[in-house]
Amino acid sequence: MNKSLALKKKISLFLLLVISFFIFFYLFYFLINGDRGIISYLKVNKTNHNLNISLTKLEKSNIYLTDRINRLKTNSLDLDFLDEKIRENTGFIDSDEILIKFN
């Protein structure tokens, strides 16, 4: 009877150890590869970084275009900029100017 009780304790201890190992392996696997694991975190972090770079570029472009639009508004018209745009779009030159084209 005493040997049987010792054997039962050893078997239960072994099963507890095996179950604990599989639980630990399961948790470790999902810590690394799960939806909220380290690999997913790094992918999301990289995507976030790339989107922040794109946002910065778009904000700079937006500031540039807003400045160009504000120069053409009637209440704050920039005559030099308007003259530059007319010359660029129509090819207009004054009679006292010489046109030099670079190809």
C-alpha atoms as a PDB file:
ATOM      1  CA  MET A   1       0.000   0.000   0.000  1.00  0.00           C
ATOM      2  CA  ASN A   2       2.816   2.374   0.787  1.00  0.00           C
ATOM      3  CA  LYS A   3       4.508   1.660  -2.567  1.00  0.00           C
ATOM      4  CA  SER A   4       1.219   2.291  -4.373  1.00  0.00           C
ATOM      5  CA  LEU A   5       0.796   5.665  -2.640  1.00  0.00           C
ATOM      6  CA  ALA A   6       4.365   6.675  -3.515  1.00  0.00           C
ATOM      7  CA  LEU A   7       3.814   5.614  -7.130  1.00  0.00           C
ATOM      8  CA  LYS A   8       0.607   7.677  -7.306  1.00  0.00           C
ATOM      9  CA  LYS A   9       2.461  10.713  -5.957  1.00  0.00           C
ATOM     10  CA  LYS A  10       5.235  10.272  -8.531  1.00  0.00           C
ATOM     11  CA  ILE A  11       2.721   9.890 -11.381  1.00  0.00           C
ATOM     12  CA  SER A  12       0.712  12.922 -10.257  1.00  0.00           C
ATOM     13  CA  LEU A  13       3.926  14.939  -9.877  1.00  0.00           C
ATOM     14  CA  PHE A  14       5.037  13.874 -13.373  1.00  0.00           C
ATOM     15  CA  LEU A  15       1.644  14.786 -14.874  1.00  0.00           C
ATOM     16  CA  LEU A  16       1.736  18.132 -13.100  1.00  0.00           C
ATOM     17  CA  LEU A  17       5.212  18.746 -14.514  1.00  0.00           C
ATOM     18  CA  VAL A  18       4.138  17.772 -18.058  1.00  0.00           C
ATOM     19  CA  ILE A  19       0.989  19.935 -17.893  1.00  0.00           C
ATOM     20  CA  SER A  20       2.994  22.857 -16.501  1.00  0.00           C
ATOM     21  CA  PHE A  21       5.528  22.473 -19.310  1.00  0.00           C
ATOM     22  CA  PHE A  22       2.809  22.546 -21.990  1.00  0.00           C
ATOM     23  CA  ILE A  23       1.096  25.534 -20.384  1.00  0.00           C
ATOM     24  CA  PHE A  24       4.438  27.355 -20.234  1.00  0.00           C
ATOM     25  CA  PHE A  25       5.177  26.416 -23.877  1.00  0.00           C
ATOM     26  CA  TYR A  26       1.694  27.594 -24.943  1.00  0.00           C
ATOM     27  CA  LEU A  27       2.073  30.945 -23.169  1.00  0.00           C
ATOM     28  CA  PHE A  28       5.617  31.433 -24.472  1.00  0.00           C
ATOM     29  CA  TYR A  29       4.549  30.636 -28.050  1.00  0.00           C
ATOM     30  CA  PHE A  30       1.719  33.181 -27.967  1.00  0.00           C
ATOM     31  CA  LEU A  31       3.963  35.722 -26.260  1.00  0.00           C
ATOM     32  CA  ILE A  32       6.183  35.563 -29.342  1.00  0.00           C
ATOM     33  CA  ASN A  33       3.776  34.749 -32.217  1.00  0.00           C
ATOM     34  CA  GLY A  34       0.310  35.703 -30.994  1.00  0.00           C
ATOM     35  CA  ASP A  35      -1.916  38.513 -32.207  1.00  0.00           C
ATOM     36  CA  ARG A  36      -0.494  40.700 -29.456  1.00  0.00           C
ATOM     37  CA  GLY A  37       2.906  39.068 -29.351  1.00  0.00           C
ATOM     38  CA  ILE A  38       6.340  40.537 -29.802  1.00  0.00           C
ATOM     39  CA  ILE A  39       6.478  39.921 -33.561  1.00  0.00           C
ATOM     40  CA  SER A  40       3.099  41.596 -34.075  1.00  0.00           C
ATOM     41  CA  TYR A  41       4.198  44.488 -31.891  1.00  0.00           C
ATOM     42  CA  LEU A  42       7.331  44.996 -33.989  1.00  0.00           C
ATOM     43  CA  LYS A  43       5.307  44.896 -37.230  1.00  0.00           C
ATOM     44  CA  VAL A  44       2.815  47.444 -35.897  1.00  0.00           C
ATOM     45  CA  ASN A  45       5.658  49.612 -34.622  1.00  0.00           C
ATOM     46  CA  LYS A  46       7.365  49.544 -38.046  1.00  0.00           C
ATOM     47  CA  THR A  47       4.081  50.372 -39.805  1.00  0.00           C
ATOM     48  CA  ASN A  48       3.505  53.225 -37.359  1.00  0.00           C
ATOM     49  CA  HIS A  49       6.978  54.595 -38.059  1.00  0.00           C
ATOM     50  CA  ASN A  50       6.447  54.431 -41.842  1.00  0.00           C
ATOM     51  CA  LEU A  51       3.060  56.137 -41.534  1.00  0.00           C
ATOM     52  CA  ASN A  52       4.573  58.901 -39.390  1.00  0.00           C
ATOM     53  CA  ILE A  53       7.195  59.506 -42.082  1.00  0.00           C
ATOM     54  CA  SER A  54       4.441  59.664 -44.733  1.00  0.00           C
ATOM     55  CA  LEU A  55       2.435  62.028 -42.538  1.00  0.00           C
ATOM     56  CA  THR A  56       5.421  64.338 -42.145  1.00  0.00           C
ATOM     57  CA  LYS A  57       5.959  64.430 -45.918  1.00  0.00           C
ATOM     58  CA  LEU A  58       2.263  65.129 -46.522  1.00  0.00           C
ATOM     59  CA  GLU A  59       2.233  67.906 -43.921  1.00  0.00           C
ATOM     60  CA  LYS A  60       5.229  69.569 -45.602  1.00  0.00           C
ATOM     61  CA  SER A  61       3.525  69.271 -48.982  1.00  0.00           C
ATOM     62  CA  ASN A  62       0.329  70.696 -47.516  1.00  0.00           C
ATOM     63  CA  ILE A  63       2.177  73.694 -46.069  1.00  0.00           C
ATOM     64  CA  TYR A  64       3.886  74.310 -49.429  1.00  0.00           C
ATOM     65  CA  LEU A  65       0.615  74.143 -51.387  1.00  0.00           C
ATOM     66  CA  THR A  66      -1.253  76.286 -48.839  1.00  0.00           C
ATOM     67  CA  ASP A  67       1.451  78.932 -49.164  1.00  0.00           C
ATOM     68  CA  ARG A  68       1.127  78.902 -52.960  1.00  0.00           C
ATOM     69  CA  ILE A  69      -2.670  79.174 -52.729  1.00  0.00           C
ATOM     70  CA  ASN A  70      -2.452  82.057 -50.250  1.00  0.00           C
ATOM     71  CA  ARG A  71      -0.144  83.933 -52.627  1.00  0.00           C
ATOM     72  CA  LEU A  72      -2.816  83.852 -55.337  1.00  0.00           C
ATOM     73  CA  LYS A  73      -5.745  85.019 -53.192  1.00  0.00           C
ATOM     74  CA  THR A  74      -7.098  88.434 -54.094  1.00  0.00           C
ATOM     75  CA  ASN A  75      -6.744  89.988 -50.629  1.00  0.00           C
ATOM     76  CA  SER A  76      -3.026  89.166 -50.408  1.00  0.00           C
ATOM     77  CA  LEU A  77      -1.916  88.892 -54.012  1.00  0.00           C
ATOM     78  CA  ASP A  78       1.822  88.431 -54.570  1.00  0.00           C
ATOM     79  CA  LEU A  79       2.460  90.148 -57.891  1.00  0.00           C
ATOM     80  CA  ASP A  80       5.886  88.596 -58.419  1.00  0.00           C
ATOM     81  CA  PHE A  81       4.476  85.106 -57.920  1.00  0.00           C
ATOM     82  CA  LEU A  82       1.549  85.884 -60.231  1.00  0.00           C
ATOM     83  CA  ASP A  83       3.936  87.180 -62.896  1.00  0.00           C
ATOM     84  CA  GLU A  84       6.047  84.035 -62.538  1.00  0.00           C
ATOM     85  CA  LYS A  85       2.993  81.769 -62.943  1.00  0.00           C
ATOM     86  CA  ILE A  86       1.752  83.677 -66.005  1.00  0.00           C
ATOM     87  CA  ARG A  87       5.162  83.429 -67.652  1.00  0.00           C
ATOM     88  CA  GLU A  88       5.406  79.729 -66.772  1.00  0.00           C
ATOM     89  CA  ASN A  89       1.962  78.810 -68.094  1.00  0.00           C
ATOM     90  CA  THR A  90       1.713  81.017 -71.183  1.00  0.00           C
ATOM     91  CA  GLY A  91       5.326  81.525 -72.213  1.00  0.00           C
ATOM     92  CA  PHE A  92       4.772  85.304 -72.112  1.00  0.00           C
ATOM     93  CA  ILE A  93       7.877  87.536 -72.213  1.00  0.00           C
ATOM     94  CA  ASP A  94       8.256  91.315 -72.326  1.00  0.00           C
ATOM     95  CA  SER A  95       9.558  93.085 -75.414  1.00  0.00           C
ATOM     96  CA  ASP A  96      12.793  94.054 -73.670  1.00  0.00           C
ATOM     97  CA  GLU A  97      13.571  90.542 -72.427  1.00  0.00           C
ATOM     98  CA  ILE A  98      15.623  87.817 -74.087  1.00  0.00           C
ATOM     99  CA  LEU A  99      14.439  84.214 -73.867  1.00  0.00           C
ATOM    100  CA  ILE A 100      17.128  81.606 -73.281  1.00  0.00           C
ATOM    101  CA  LYS A 101      15.997  77.974 -73.206  1.00  0.00           C
ATOM    102  CA  PHE A 102      18.096  75.252 -71.636  1.00  0.00           C
ATOM    103  CA  ASN A 103      17.445  71.702 -72.793  1.00  0.00           C
END
